[in-house]
Amino acid sequence: MSKAVVSFKIDSRIKEILQKLAEEDTRTLSNYLVTIIQDHLKVRGILWGAEEQHEENEKEESAIRFSSKNITPPPTDDH
């Protein structure tokens, strides 16, 4: 996966708040911001790179599991 650098200006108080939130999550500010952006894209239904591949894999697994020739019942907690 290729990565690009993004640079922008933000109010210093907002940066302080985001930095504290990142520290609470044991993340760097950069990682915290990337996570927020990825979550926003997911909410908007926008698939990208790794997320798109994950969705495709889930669809394929679901199709195989519930095909008419090979129906796998859902797991139960009964022993």
PDB file of N, CA and C in Angstrom:
ATOM      1  N   MET A   1       0.855  -1.173   0.000  1.00  0.00           N
ATOM      2  CA  MET A   1       0.000   0.000   0.000  1.00  0.00           C
ATOM      3  C   MET A   1       0.895   1.228   0.000  1.00  0.00           C
ATOM      4  N   SER A   2       0.699   2.097  -0.968  1.00  0.00           N
ATOM      5  CA  SER A   2       1.482   3.322  -0.998  1.00  0.00           C
ATOM      6  C   SER A   2       0.864   4.338  -0.042  1.00  0.00           C
ATOM      7  N   LYS A   3       1.699   5.198   0.470  1.00  0.00           N
ATOM      8  CA  LYS A   3       1.233   6.214   1.416  1.00  0.00           C
ATOM      9  C   LYS A   3       1.614   7.581   0.908  1.00  0.00           C
ATOM     10  N   ALA A   4       0.804   8.560   1.220  1.00  0.00           N
ATOM     11  CA  ALA A   4       1.050   9.941   0.826  1.00  0.00           C
ATOM     12  C   ALA A   4       1.090  10.811   2.075  1.00  0.00           C
ATOM     13  N   VAL A   5       1.807  11.883   1.988  1.00  0.00           N
ATOM     14  CA  VAL A   5       1.901  12.829   3.095  1.00  0.00           C
ATOM     15  C   VAL A   5       0.861  13.915   2.880  1.00  0.00           C
ATOM     16  N   VAL A   6       0.125  14.240   3.955  1.00  0.00           N
ATOM     17  CA  VAL A   6      -0.858  15.310   3.914  1.00  0.00           C
ATOM     18  C   VAL A   6      -0.474  16.311   5.000  1.00  0.00           C
ATOM     19  N   SER A   7      -0.471  17.559   4.637  1.00  0.00           N
ATOM     20  CA  SER A   7      -0.116  18.605   5.585  1.00  0.00           C
ATOM     21  C   SER A   7      -1.204  19.663   5.572  1.00  0.00           C
ATOM     22  N   PHE A   8      -1.650  20.097   6.748  1.00  0.00           N
ATOM     23  CA  PHE A   8      -2.665  21.137   6.814  1.00  0.00           C
ATOM     24  C   PHE A   8      -2.549  21.881   8.130  1.00  0.00           C
ATOM     25  N   LYS A   9      -3.133  23.057   8.168  1.00  0.00           N
ATOM     26  CA  LYS A   9      -3.127  23.867   9.383  1.00  0.00           C
ATOM     27  C   LYS A   9      -4.428  23.636  10.130  1.00  0.00           C
ATOM     28  N   ILE A  10      -4.302  23.657  11.462  1.00  0.00           N
ATOM     29  CA  ILE A  10      -5.469  23.430  12.311  1.00  0.00           C
ATOM     30  C   ILE A  10      -5.318  24.302  13.553  1.00  0.00           C
ATOM     31  N   ASP A  11      -6.416  24.688  14.134  1.00  0.00           N
ATOM     32  CA  ASP A  11      -6.394  25.488  15.349  1.00  0.00           C
ATOM     33  C   ASP A  11      -5.595  24.752  16.421  1.00  0.00           C
ATOM     34  N   SER A  12      -4.734  25.460  17.104  1.00  0.00           N
ATOM     35  CA  SER A  12      -3.850  24.816  18.090  1.00  0.00           C
ATOM     36  C   SER A  12      -4.628  24.133  19.212  1.00  0.00           C
ATOM     37  N   ARG A  13      -5.769  24.669  19.597  1.00  0.00           N
ATOM     38  CA  ARG A  13      -6.582  24.038  20.659  1.00  0.00           C
ATOM     39  C   ARG A  13      -7.145  22.698  20.172  1.00  0.00           C
ATOM     40  N   ILE A  14      -7.574  22.647  18.923  1.00  0.00           N
ATOM     41  CA  ILE A  14      -8.078  21.387  18.372  1.00  0.00           C
ATOM     42  C   ILE A  14      -6.956  20.351  18.341  1.00  0.00           C
ATOM     43  N   LYS A  15      -5.763  20.797  17.958  1.00  0.00           N
ATOM     44  CA  LYS A  15      -4.627  19.865  17.929  1.00  0.00           C
ATOM     45  C   LYS A  15      -4.337  19.323  19.324  1.00  0.00           C
ATOM     46  N   GLU A  16      -4.385  20.172  20.327  1.00  0.00           N
ATOM     47  CA  GLU A  16      -4.153  19.729  21.707  1.00  0.00           C
ATOM     48  C   GLU A  16      -5.188  18.675  22.122  1.00  0.00           C
ATOM     49  N   ILE A  17      -6.439  18.916  21.782  1.00  0.00           N
ATOM     50  CA  ILE A  17      -7.510  17.976  22.130  1.00  0.00           C
ATOM     51  C   ILE A  17      -7.277  16.639  21.427  1.00  0.00           C
ATOM     52  N   LEU A  18      -6.975  16.699  20.123  1.00  0.00           N
ATOM     53  CA  LEU A  18      -6.731  15.468  19.368  1.00  0.00           C
ATOM     54  C   LEU A  18      -5.513  14.718  19.903  1.00  0.00           C
ATOM     55  N   GLN A  19      -4.480  15.456  20.294  1.00  0.00           N
ATOM     56  CA  GLN A  19      -3.279  14.832  20.851  1.00  0.00           C
ATOM     57  C   GLN A  19      -3.608  14.085  22.134  1.00  0.00           C
ATOM     58  N   LYS A  20      -4.407  14.685  22.993  1.00  0.00           N
ATOM     59  CA  LYS A  20      -4.803  14.024  24.252  1.00  0.00           C
ATOM     60  C   LYS A  20      -5.646  12.775  23.972  1.00  0.00           C
ATOM     61  N   LEU A  21      -6.563  12.883  23.020  1.00  0.00           N
ATOM     62  CA  LEU A  21      -7.380  11.724  22.666  1.00  0.00           C
ATOM     63  C   LEU A  21      -6.513  10.600  22.105  1.00  0.00           C
ATOM     64  N   ALA A  22      -5.541  10.949  21.289  1.00  0.00           N
ATOM     65  CA  ALA A  22      -4.629   9.952  20.726  1.00  0.00           C
ATOM     66  C   ALA A  22      -3.848   9.264  21.841  1.00  0.00           C
ATOM     67  N   GLU A  23      -3.355  10.041  22.788  1.00  0.00           N
ATOM     68  CA  GLU A  23      -2.602   9.469  23.907  1.00  0.00           C
ATOM     69  C   GLU A  23      -3.472   8.535  24.747  1.00  0.00           C
ATOM     70  N   GLU A  24      -4.735   8.903  24.932  1.00  0.00           N
ATOM     71  CA  GLU A  24      -5.659   8.035  25.670  1.00  0.00           C
ATOM     72  C   GLU A  24      -5.847   6.700  24.966  1.00  0.00           C
ATOM     73  N   ASP A  25      -5.744   6.698  23.647  1.00  0.00           N
ATOM     74  CA  ASP A  25      -5.871   5.479  22.847  1.00  0.00           C
ATOM     75  C   ASP A  25      -4.522   4.794  22.624  1.00  0.00           C
ATOM     76  N   THR A  26      -3.483   5.328  23.237  1.00  0.00           N
ATOM     77  CA  THR A  26      -2.108   4.837  23.054  1.00  0.00           C
ATOM     78  C   THR A  26      -1.734   4.812  21.571  1.00  0.00           C
ATOM     79  N   ARG A  27      -1.982   5.932  20.906  1.00  0.00           N
ATOM     80  CA  ARG A  27      -1.689   6.085  19.487  1.00  0.00           C
ATOM     81  C   ARG A  27      -0.892   7.363  19.272  1.00  0.00           C
ATOM     82  N   THR A  28      -0.216   7.419  18.149  1.00  0.00           N
ATOM     83  CA  THR A  28       0.375   8.681  17.740  1.00  0.00           C
ATOM     84  C   THR A  28      -0.745   9.559  17.197  1.00  0.00           C
ATOM     85  N   LEU A  29      -0.490  10.849  17.135  1.00  0.00           N
ATOM     86  CA  LEU A  29      -1.488  11.746  16.568  1.00  0.00           C
ATOM     87  C   LEU A  29      -1.779  11.364  15.119  1.00  0.00           C
ATOM     88  N   SER A  30      -0.739  11.070  14.389  1.00  0.00           N
ATOM     89  CA  SER A  30      -0.902  10.691  12.981  1.00  0.00           C
ATOM     90  C   SER A  30      -1.780   9.449  12.842  1.00  0.00           C
ATOM     91  N   ASN A  31      -1.492   8.414  13.631  1.00  0.00           N
ATOM     92  CA  ASN A  31      -2.279   7.184  13.563  1.00  0.00           C
ATOM     93  C   ASN A  31      -3.721   7.438  13.983  1.00  0.00           C
ATOM     94  N   TYR A  32      -3.920   8.265  14.984  1.00  0.00           N
ATOM     95  CA  TYR A  32      -5.253   8.595  15.449  1.00  0.00           C
ATOM     96  C   TYR A  32      -6.054   9.278  14.349  1.00  0.00           C
ATOM     97  N   LEU A  33      -5.435  10.236  13.652  1.00  0.00           N
ATOM     98  CA  LEU A  33      -6.122  10.945  12.578  1.00  0.00           C
ATOM     99  C   LEU A  33      -6.448  10.014  11.412  1.00  0.00           C
ATOM    100  N   VAL A  34      -5.523   9.134  11.074  1.00  0.00           N
ATOM    101  CA  VAL A  34      -5.777   8.173   9.994  1.00  0.00           C
ATOM    102  C   VAL A  34      -6.963   7.285  10.365  1.00  0.00           C
ATOM    103  N   THR A  35      -7.024   6.837  11.606  1.00  0.00           N
ATOM    104  CA  THR A  35      -8.127   5.985  12.068  1.00  0.00           C
ATOM    105  C   THR A  35      -9.458   6.723  11.976  1.00  0.00           C
ATOM    106  N   ILE A  36      -9.469   7.990  12.380  1.00  0.00           N
ATOM    107  CA  ILE A  36     -10.692   8.796  12.287  1.00  0.00           C
ATOM    108  C   ILE A  36     -11.142   8.910  10.825  1.00  0.00           C
ATOM    109  N   ILE A  37     -10.202   9.168   9.946  1.00  0.00           N
ATOM    110  CA  ILE A  37     -10.534   9.307   8.526  1.00  0.00           C
ATOM    111  C   ILE A  37     -11.046   7.988   7.955  1.00  0.00           C
ATOM    112  N   GLN A  38     -10.405   6.877   8.307  1.00  0.00           N
ATOM    113  CA  GLN A  38     -10.855   5.568   7.823  1.00  0.00           C
ATOM    114  C   GLN A  38     -12.266   5.260   8.321  1.00  0.00           C
ATOM    115  N   ASP A  39     -12.537   5.568   9.586  1.00  0.00           N
ATOM    116  CA  ASP A  39     -13.880   5.349  10.136  1.00  0.00           C
ATOM    117  C   ASP A  39     -14.920   6.204   9.403  1.00  0.00           C
ATOM    118  N   HIS A  40     -14.554   7.430   9.093  1.00  0.00           N
ATOM    119  CA  HIS A  40     -15.468   8.320   8.372  1.00  0.00           C
ATOM    120  C   HIS A  40     -15.785   7.762   6.984  1.00  0.00           C
ATOM    121  N   LEU A  41     -14.767   7.282   6.295  1.00  0.00           N
ATOM    122  CA  LEU A  41     -14.993   6.694   4.978  1.00  0.00           C
ATOM    123  C   LEU A  41     -15.912   5.477   5.074  1.00  0.00           C
ATOM    124  N   LYS A  42     -15.701   4.658   6.086  1.00  0.00           N
ATOM    125  CA  LYS A  42     -16.526   3.458   6.273  1.00  0.00           C
ATOM    126  C   LYS A  42     -17.990   3.839   6.507  1.00  0.00           C
ATOM    127  N   VAL A  43     -18.222   4.840   7.356  1.00  0.00           N
ATOM    128  CA  VAL A  43     -19.584   5.300   7.627  1.00  0.00           C
ATOM    129  C   VAL A  43     -20.246   5.808   6.351  1.00  0.00           C
ATOM    130  N   ARG A  44     -19.484   6.449   5.495  1.00  0.00           N
ATOM    131  CA  ARG A  44     -20.008   6.984   4.242  1.00  0.00           C
ATOM    132  C   ARG A  44     -20.146   5.910   3.166  1.00  0.00           C
ATOM    133  N   GLY A  45     -19.715   4.677   3.482  1.00  0.00           N
ATOM    134  CA  GLY A  45     -19.826   3.585   2.527  1.00  0.00           C
ATOM    135  C   GLY A  45     -18.771   3.624   1.445  1.00  0.00           C
ATOM    136  N   ILE A  46     -17.673   4.308   1.707  1.00  0.00           N
ATOM    137  CA  ILE A  46     -16.599   4.422   0.733  1.00  0.00           C
ATOM    138  C   ILE A  46     -15.534   3.382   1.037  1.00  0.00           C
ATOM    139  N   LEU A  47     -15.394   2.418   0.130  1.00  0.00           N
ATOM    140  CA  LEU A  47     -14.388   1.379   0.306  1.00  0.00           C
ATOM    141  C   LEU A  47     -13.083   1.838  -0.311  1.00  0.00           C
ATOM    142  N   TRP A  48     -11.993   1.493   0.318  1.00  0.00           N
ATOM    143  CA  TRP A  48     -10.672   1.872  -0.183  1.00  0.00           C
ATOM    144  C   TRP A  48      -9.720   0.726   0.081  1.00  0.00           C
ATOM    145  N   GLY A  49      -8.763   0.533  -0.751  1.00  0.00           N
ATOM    146  CA  GLY A  49      -7.679  -0.440  -0.596  1.00  0.00           C
ATOM    147  C   GLY A  49      -7.970  -1.644   0.266  1.00  0.00           C
ATOM    148  N   ALA A  50      -7.367  -1.709   1.445  1.00  0.00           N
ATOM    149  CA  ALA A  50      -7.462  -2.866   2.337  1.00  0.00           C
ATOM    150  C   ALA A  50      -8.899  -3.115   2.769  1.00  0.00           C
ATOM    151  N   GLU A  51      -9.642  -2.065   3.019  1.00  0.00           N
ATOM    152  CA  GLU A  51     -11.042  -2.198   3.439  1.00  0.00           C
ATOM    153  C   GLU A  51     -11.870  -2.849   2.327  1.00  0.00           C
ATOM    154  N   GLU A  52     -11.616  -2.443   1.099  1.00  0.00           N
ATOM    155  CA  GLU A  52     -12.332  -2.999  -0.048  1.00  0.00           C
ATOM    156  C   GLU A  52     -12.046  -4.492  -0.197  1.00  0.00           C
ATOM    157  N   GLN A  53     -10.801  -4.884  -0.039  1.00  0.00           N
ATOM    158  CA  GLN A  53     -10.425  -6.292  -0.144  1.00  0.00           C
ATOM    159  C   GLN A  53     -11.077  -7.099   0.970  1.00  0.00           C
ATOM    160  N   HIS A  54     -11.124  -6.549   2.181  1.00  0.00           N
ATOM    161  CA  HIS A  54     -11.751  -7.231   3.315  1.00  0.00           C
ATOM    162  C   HIS A  54     -13.233  -7.482   3.032  1.00  0.00           C
ATOM    163  N   GLU A  55     -13.930  -6.482   2.494  1.00  0.00           N
ATOM    164  CA  GLU A  55     -15.348  -6.628   2.143  1.00  0.00           C
ATOM    165  C   GLU A  55     -15.552  -7.741   1.119  1.00  0.00           C
ATOM    166  N   GLU A  56     -14.719  -7.789   0.096  1.00  0.00           N
ATOM    167  CA  GLU A  56     -14.828  -8.812  -0.943  1.00  0.00           C
ATOM    168  C   GLU A  56     -14.616 -10.201  -0.350  1.00  0.00           C
ATOM    169  N   ASN A  57     -13.627 -10.337   0.537  1.00  0.00           N
ATOM    170  CA  ASN A  57     -13.363 -11.635   1.177  1.00  0.00           C
ATOM    171  C   ASN A  57     -14.562 -12.088   2.003  1.00  0.00           C
ATOM    172  N   GLU A  58     -15.183 -11.151   2.737  1.00  0.00           N
ATOM    173  CA  GLU A  58     -16.361 -11.506   3.535  1.00  0.00           C
ATOM    174  C   GLU A  58     -17.510 -11.974   2.645  1.00  0.00           C
ATOM    175  N   LYS A  59     -17.717 -11.304   1.518  1.00  0.00           N
ATOM    176  CA  LYS A  59     -18.789 -11.695   0.606  1.00  0.00           C
ATOM    177  C   LYS A  59     -18.540 -13.094   0.047  1.00  0.00           C
ATOM    178  N   GLU A  60     -17.304 -13.372  -0.340  1.00  0.00           N
ATOM    179  CA  GLU A  60     -16.972 -14.682  -0.892  1.00  0.00           C
ATOM    180  C   GLU A  60     -17.174 -15.776   0.149  1.00  0.00           C
ATOM    181  N   GLU A  61     -16.712 -15.539   1.390  1.00  0.00           N
ATOM    182  CA  GLU A  61     -16.870 -16.534   2.455  1.00  0.00           C
ATOM    183  C   GLU A  61     -18.341 -16.782   2.737  1.00  0.00           C
ATOM    184  N   SER A  62     -19.135 -15.728   2.757  1.00  0.00           N
ATOM    185  CA  SER A  62     -20.561 -15.859   3.008  1.00  0.00           C
ATOM    186  C   SER A  62     -21.238 -16.651   1.891  1.00  0.00           C
ATOM    187  N   ALA A  63     -20.886 -16.384   0.664  1.00  0.00           N
ATOM    188  CA  ALA A  63     -21.478 -17.083  -0.479  1.00  0.00           C
ATOM    189  C   ALA A  63     -21.140 -18.565  -0.443  1.00  0.00           C
ATOM    190  N   ILE A  64     -19.935 -18.891  -0.076  1.00  0.00           N
ATOM    191  CA  ILE A  64     -19.525 -20.293   0.005  1.00  0.00           C
ATOM    192  C   ILE A  64     -20.246 -20.986   1.151  1.00  0.00           C
ATOM    193  N   ARG A  65     -20.306 -20.341   2.293  1.00  0.00           N
ATOM    194  CA  ARG A  65     -20.899 -20.940   3.482  1.00  0.00           C
ATOM    195  C   ARG A  65     -22.391 -21.212   3.294  1.00  0.00           C
ATOM    196  N   PHE A  66     -23.090 -20.361   2.563  1.00  0.00           N
ATOM    197  CA  PHE A  66     -24.535 -20.498   2.433  1.00  0.00           C
ATOM    198  C   PHE A  66     -24.988 -20.887   1.032  1.00  0.00           C
ATOM    199  N   SER A  67     -24.117 -21.502   0.266  1.00  0.00           N
ATOM    200  CA  SER A  67     -24.534 -21.954  -1.065  1.00  0.00           C
ATOM    201  C   SER A  67     -25.534 -23.095  -0.912  1.00  0.00           C
ATOM    202  N   SER A  68     -26.344 -23.328  -1.935  1.00  0.00           N
ATOM    203  CA  SER A  68     -27.391 -24.343  -1.838  1.00  0.00           C
ATOM    204  C   SER A  68     -26.824 -25.747  -1.697  1.00  0.00           C
ATOM    205  N   LYS A  69     -25.613 -25.991  -2.168  1.00  0.00           N
ATOM    206  CA  LYS A  69     -25.019 -27.315  -2.068  1.00  0.00           C
ATOM    207  C   LYS A  69     -24.272 -27.531  -0.754  1.00  0.00           C
ATOM    208  N   ASN A  70     -23.921 -26.458  -0.099  1.00  0.00           N
ATOM    209  CA  ASN A  70     -23.096 -26.568   1.103  1.00  0.00           C
ATOM    210  C   ASN A  70     -23.597 -25.581   2.149  1.00  0.00           C
ATOM    211  N   ILE A  71     -24.687 -25.916   2.812  1.00  0.00           N
ATOM    212  CA  ILE A  71     -25.246 -25.022   3.818  1.00  0.00           C
ATOM    213  C   ILE A  71     -24.640 -25.383   5.165  1.00  0.00           C
ATOM    214  N   THR A  72     -23.964 -24.424   5.736  1.00  0.00           N
ATOM    215  CA  THR A  72     -23.361 -24.604   7.040  1.00  0.00           C
ATOM    216  C   THR A  72     -24.219 -23.884   8.059  1.00  0.00           C
ATOM    217  N   PRO A  73     -24.780 -24.621   9.016  1.00  0.00           N
ATOM    218  CA  PRO A  73     -25.616 -23.951  10.008  1.00  0.00           C
ATOM    219  C   PRO A  73     -24.755 -23.061  10.904  1.00  0.00           C
ATOM    220  N   PRO A  74     -25.358 -22.012  11.468  1.00  0.00           N
ATOM    221  CA  PRO A  74     -24.587 -21.142  12.342  1.00  0.00           C
ATOM    222  C   PRO A  74     -24.106 -21.920  13.572  1.00  0.00           C
ATOM    223  N   PRO A  75     -22.967 -21.543  14.124  1.00  0.00           N
ATOM    224  CA  PRO A  75     -22.456 -22.242  15.300  1.00  0.00           C
ATOM    225  C   PRO A  75     -23.375 -22.028  16.497  1.00  0.00           C
ATOM    226  N   THR A  76     -23.446 -23.031  17.351  1.00  0.00           N
ATOM    227  CA  THR A  76     -24.248 -22.920  18.573  1.00  0.00           C
ATOM    228  C   THR A  76     -23.358 -23.110  19.776  1.00  0.00           C
ATOM    229  N   ASP A  77     -23.863 -22.712  20.927  1.00  0.00           N
ATOM    230  CA  ASP A  77     -23.102 -22.878  22.166  1.00  0.00           C
ATOM    231  C   ASP A  77     -23.384 -24.211  22.830  1.00  0.00           C
ATOM    232  N   ASP A  78     -24.293 -25.013  22.249  1.00  0.00           N
ATOM    233  CA  ASP A  78     -24.616 -26.323  22.822  1.00  0.00           C
ATOM    234  C   ASP A  78     -23.450 -27.273  22.682  1.00  0.00           C
ATOM    235  N   HIS A  79     -23.185 -28.039  23.683  1.00  0.00           N
ATOM    236  CA  HIS A  79     -22.072 -29.008  23.629  1.00  0.00           C
ATOM    237  C   HIS A  79     -22.579 -30.414  23.686  1.00  0.00           C
TER     238      HIS A  79
END
